[in-house]
Amino acid sequence: VQLQASGGGLAQAGGSLRLSCAASGRTFSRYVMAWFRQAPGNEREFVAAISWSGGSTSYAGSVKGRFTISRDNAKNTVTLQMNSLKPEDTAVYYCAACYQSRDIVVALSTQYNYWGQGTQVTVSS
């Protein structure tokens, strides 16, 4: 699976950005998809994940209620809608994929074996 993330940029606090990740290669609909982020000097952290069907999602506490992950299996894309952005959301955002035999969500980065190149999100105060 090859992943290509896009949509990052600069936003003001309180604003919105929409990230997209396009997947190519194997059967997208059997891959759990997720977004992680890494700020300078910090470890990579989980942001959100979505199951095969889109029926299950999981969010980090810091983004719950502000970010929404979704997927379109017909278009092989996963999207992260980010609203009410805060300066602490500033980071490089990565999309990731892992094959699962069940329709579940996965939050551990070590479970993901396919990663996109990252897209920068900068939120100014």
C-alpha atoms as a PDB file:
ATOM      1  CA  VAL A   1       0.000   0.000   0.000  1.00  0.00           C
ATOM      2  CA  GLN A   2       1.310   3.433  -0.934  1.00  0.00           C
ATOM      3  CA  LEU A   3      -0.073   6.406   0.957  1.00  0.00           C
ATOM      4  CA  GLN A   4      -0.048  10.043  -0.135  1.00  0.00           C
ATOM      5  CA  ALA A   5      -1.142  12.676   2.372  1.00  0.00           C
ATOM      6  CA  SER A   6      -2.213  16.177   1.439  1.00  0.00           C
ATOM      7  CA  GLY A   7      -4.108  19.165   2.761  1.00  0.00           C
ATOM      8  CA  GLY A   8      -1.811  20.531   5.438  1.00  0.00           C
ATOM      9  CA  GLY A   9      -1.040  24.193   5.754  1.00  0.00           C
ATOM     10  CA  LEU A  10      -1.376  27.216   7.972  1.00  0.00           C
ATOM     11  CA  ALA A  11      -4.487  28.014   9.968  1.00  0.00           C
ATOM     12  CA  GLN A  12      -5.387  30.383  12.742  1.00  0.00           C
ATOM     13  CA  ALA A  13      -6.500  29.146  16.125  1.00  0.00           C
ATOM     14  CA  GLY A  14     -10.165  28.289  15.940  1.00  0.00           C
ATOM     15  CA  GLY A  15      -9.965  27.591  12.246  1.00  0.00           C
ATOM     16  CA  SER A  16     -10.247  24.390  10.236  1.00  0.00           C
ATOM     17  CA  LEU A  17      -8.166  22.246   7.945  1.00  0.00           C
ATOM     18  CA  ARG A  18      -8.965  19.056   6.072  1.00  0.00           C
ATOM     19  CA  LEU A  19      -6.324  16.402   5.508  1.00  0.00           C
ATOM     20  CA  SER A  20      -6.680  13.682   2.892  1.00  0.00           C
ATOM     21  CA  CYS A  21      -4.780  10.470   2.347  1.00  0.00           C
ATOM     22  CA  ALA A  22      -4.956   8.623  -0.953  1.00  0.00           C
ATOM     23  CA  ALA A  23      -4.076   4.942  -0.928  1.00  0.00           C
ATOM     24  CA  SER A  24      -3.018   2.767  -3.802  1.00  0.00           C
ATOM     25  CA  GLY A  25      -1.970  -0.812  -4.058  1.00  0.00           C
ATOM     26  CA  ARG A  26      -3.760  -3.604  -2.287  1.00  0.00           C
ATOM     27  CA  THR A  27      -7.299  -3.990  -1.049  1.00  0.00           C
ATOM     28  CA  PHE A  28      -7.894  -0.728   0.756  1.00  0.00           C
ATOM     29  CA  SER A  29     -11.121  -1.885   2.325  1.00  0.00           C
ATOM     30  CA  ARG A  30      -9.283  -4.447   4.481  1.00  0.00           C
ATOM     31  CA  TYR A  31      -6.929  -1.886   5.985  1.00  0.00           C
ATOM     32  CA  VAL A  32      -7.480  -0.020   9.197  1.00  0.00           C
ATOM     33  CA  MET A  33      -6.510   3.598   8.596  1.00  0.00           C
ATOM     34  CA  ALA A  34      -5.202   6.155  11.046  1.00  0.00           C
ATOM     35  CA  TRP A  35      -3.642   9.546  11.484  1.00  0.00           C
ATOM     36  CA  PHE A  36      -0.680  10.182  13.735  1.00  0.00           C
ATOM     37  CA  ARG A  37       1.218  13.399  14.357  1.00  0.00           C
ATOM     38  CA  GLN A  38       4.631  14.443  15.524  1.00  0.00           C
ATOM     39  CA  ALA A  39       5.586  17.854  16.836  1.00  0.00           C
ATOM     40  CA  PRO A  40       9.246  18.935  17.057  1.00  0.00           C
ATOM     41  CA  GLY A  41      10.949  17.297  20.005  1.00  0.00           C
ATOM     42  CA  ASN A  42       7.977  15.033  20.698  1.00  0.00           C
ATOM     43  CA  GLU A  43       7.213  11.382  20.081  1.00  0.00           C
ATOM     44  CA  ARG A  44       4.822  10.459  17.313  1.00  0.00           C
ATOM     45  CA  GLU A  45       1.325  10.291  18.785  1.00  0.00           C
ATOM     46  CA  PHE A  46      -1.971   8.766  17.817  1.00  0.00           C
ATOM     47  CA  VAL A  47      -4.662  11.126  16.557  1.00  0.00           C
ATOM     48  CA  ALA A  48      -7.500   9.030  15.125  1.00  0.00           C
ATOM     49  CA  ALA A  49      -8.260   5.660  13.538  1.00  0.00           C
ATOM     50  CA  ILE A  50     -11.099   4.160  11.543  1.00  0.00           C
ATOM     51  CA  SER A  51     -12.052   0.547  10.891  1.00  0.00           C
ATOM     52  CA  TRP A  52     -12.546  -1.110   7.492  1.00  0.00           C
ATOM     53  CA  SER A  53     -16.203  -0.274   7.241  1.00  0.00           C
ATOM     54  CA  GLY A  54     -15.941   3.098   8.892  1.00  0.00           C
ATOM     55  CA  GLY A  55     -18.316   1.874  11.547  1.00  0.00           C
ATOM     56  CA  SER A  56     -15.779   2.201  14.361  1.00  0.00           C
ATOM     57  CA  THR A  57     -13.559   5.152  15.114  1.00  0.00           C
ATOM     58  CA  SER A  58     -11.164   6.104  17.884  1.00  0.00           C
ATOM     59  CA  TYR A  59      -9.724   9.468  18.837  1.00  0.00           C
ATOM     60  CA  ALA A  60      -7.036  10.786  21.110  1.00  0.00           C
ATOM     61  CA  GLY A  61      -8.527  12.660  24.019  1.00  0.00           C
ATOM     62  CA  SER A  62      -6.843  15.873  22.919  1.00  0.00           C
ATOM     63  CA  VAL A  63      -8.748  15.952  19.597  1.00  0.00           C
ATOM     64  CA  LYS A  64     -12.032  14.263  20.489  1.00  0.00           C
ATOM     65  CA  GLY A  65     -14.968  16.447  19.579  1.00  0.00           C
ATOM     66  CA  ARG A  66     -12.846  18.611  17.273  1.00  0.00           C
ATOM     67  CA  PHE A  67     -11.476  16.169  14.681  1.00  0.00           C
ATOM     68  CA  THR A  68     -13.416  13.695  12.556  1.00  0.00           C
ATOM     69  CA  ILE A  69     -11.937  10.798  10.620  1.00  0.00           C
ATOM     70  CA  SER A  70     -13.791   9.279   7.693  1.00  0.00           C
ATOM     71  CA  ARG A  71     -13.068   7.040   4.726  1.00  0.00           C
ATOM     72  CA  ASP A  72     -14.367   6.363   1.250  1.00  0.00           C
ATOM     73  CA  ASN A  73     -13.500   2.813   0.228  1.00  0.00           C
ATOM     74  CA  ALA A  74     -14.712   3.402  -3.317  1.00  0.00           C
ATOM     75  CA  LYS A  75     -12.157   6.198  -3.729  1.00  0.00           C
ATOM     76  CA  ASN A  76      -9.426   4.666  -1.525  1.00  0.00           C
ATOM     77  CA  THR A  77      -9.222   7.782   0.607  1.00  0.00           C
ATOM     78  CA  VAL A  78      -9.273   8.647   4.281  1.00  0.00           C
ATOM     79  CA  THR A  79      -9.937  12.154   5.525  1.00  0.00           C
ATOM     80  CA  LEU A  80      -9.274  14.004   8.760  1.00  0.00           C
ATOM     81  CA  GLN A  81     -11.486  17.041   9.270  1.00  0.00           C
ATOM     82  CA  MET A  82      -9.890  19.270  11.891  1.00  0.00           C
ATOM     83  CA  ASN A  83     -12.026  21.988  13.464  1.00  0.00           C
ATOM     84  CA  SER A  84     -11.444  24.381  16.357  1.00  0.00           C
ATOM     85  CA  LEU A  85      -7.724  24.117  15.793  1.00  0.00           C
ATOM     86  CA  LYS A  86      -5.326  25.009  18.589  1.00  0.00           C
ATOM     87  CA  PRO A  87      -1.643  25.980  18.439  1.00  0.00           C
ATOM     88  CA  GLU A  88      -0.829  22.675  20.134  1.00  0.00           C
ATOM     89  CA  ASP A  89      -2.189  20.866  17.068  1.00  0.00           C
ATOM     90  CA  THR A  90       0.873  22.088  15.176  1.00  0.00           C
ATOM     91  CA  ALA A  91       2.748  19.019  13.931  1.00  0.00           C
ATOM     92  CA  VAL A  92       3.555  16.885  10.935  1.00  0.00           C
ATOM     93  CA  TYR A  93       0.574  14.632  10.337  1.00  0.00           C
ATOM     94  CA  TYR A  94       1.022  11.133   8.944  1.00  0.00           C
ATOM     95  CA  CYS A  95      -1.548   8.756   7.581  1.00  0.00           C
ATOM     96  CA  ALA A  96      -0.962   5.073   8.224  1.00  0.00           C
ATOM     97  CA  ALA A  97      -2.465   1.737   7.270  1.00  0.00           C
ATOM     98  CA  CYS A  98      -2.425  -1.758   8.674  1.00  0.00           C
ATOM     99  CA  TYR A  99      -4.095  -4.905   7.473  1.00  0.00           C
ATOM    100  CA  GLN A 100      -6.508  -6.441   9.938  1.00  0.00           C
ATOM    101  CA  SER A 101      -8.543  -9.614   9.701  1.00  0.00           C
ATOM    102  CA  ARG A 102     -11.352  -7.990  11.666  1.00  0.00           C
ATOM    103  CA  ASP A 103     -13.266  -4.739  11.406  1.00  0.00           C
ATOM    104  CA  ILE A 104     -11.593  -3.040  14.362  1.00  0.00           C
ATOM    105  CA  VAL A 105      -9.665   0.104  15.188  1.00  0.00           C
ATOM    106  CA  VAL A 106      -6.001   0.131  16.190  1.00  0.00           C
ATOM    107  CA  ALA A 107      -4.275   2.944  18.056  1.00  0.00           C
ATOM    108  CA  LEU A 108      -0.739   1.610  18.467  1.00  0.00           C
ATOM    109  CA  SER A 109       1.742   2.990  15.951  1.00  0.00           C
ATOM    110  CA  THR A 110       3.719  -0.250  16.068  1.00  0.00           C
ATOM    111  CA  GLN A 111       0.765  -2.056  14.486  1.00  0.00           C
ATOM    112  CA  TYR A 112       0.955   0.096  11.372  1.00  0.00           C
ATOM    113  CA  ASN A 113       3.310  -0.986   8.633  1.00  0.00           C
ATOM    114  CA  TYR A 114       2.446   1.504   5.891  1.00  0.00           C
ATOM    115  CA  TRP A 115       3.032   5.223   6.307  1.00  0.00           C
ATOM    116  CA  GLY A 116       2.540   8.288   4.191  1.00  0.00           C
ATOM    117  CA  GLN A 117       5.143  11.008   3.820  1.00  0.00           C
ATOM    118  CA  GLY A 118       3.590  13.465   6.279  1.00  0.00           C
ATOM    119  CA  THR A 119       1.996  16.850   5.818  1.00  0.00           C
ATOM    120  CA  GLN A 120       2.740  19.924   7.929  1.00  0.00           C
ATOM    121  CA  VAL A 121      -0.041  21.568   9.916  1.00  0.00           C
ATOM    122  CA  THR A 122       0.754  24.881  11.581  1.00  0.00           C
ATOM    123  CA  VAL A 123      -1.755  26.664  13.793  1.00  0.00           C
ATOM    124  CA  SER A 124      -1.039  30.235  14.802  1.00  0.00           C
ATOM    125  CA  SER A 125      -2.408  31.840  17.931  1.00  0.00           C
END
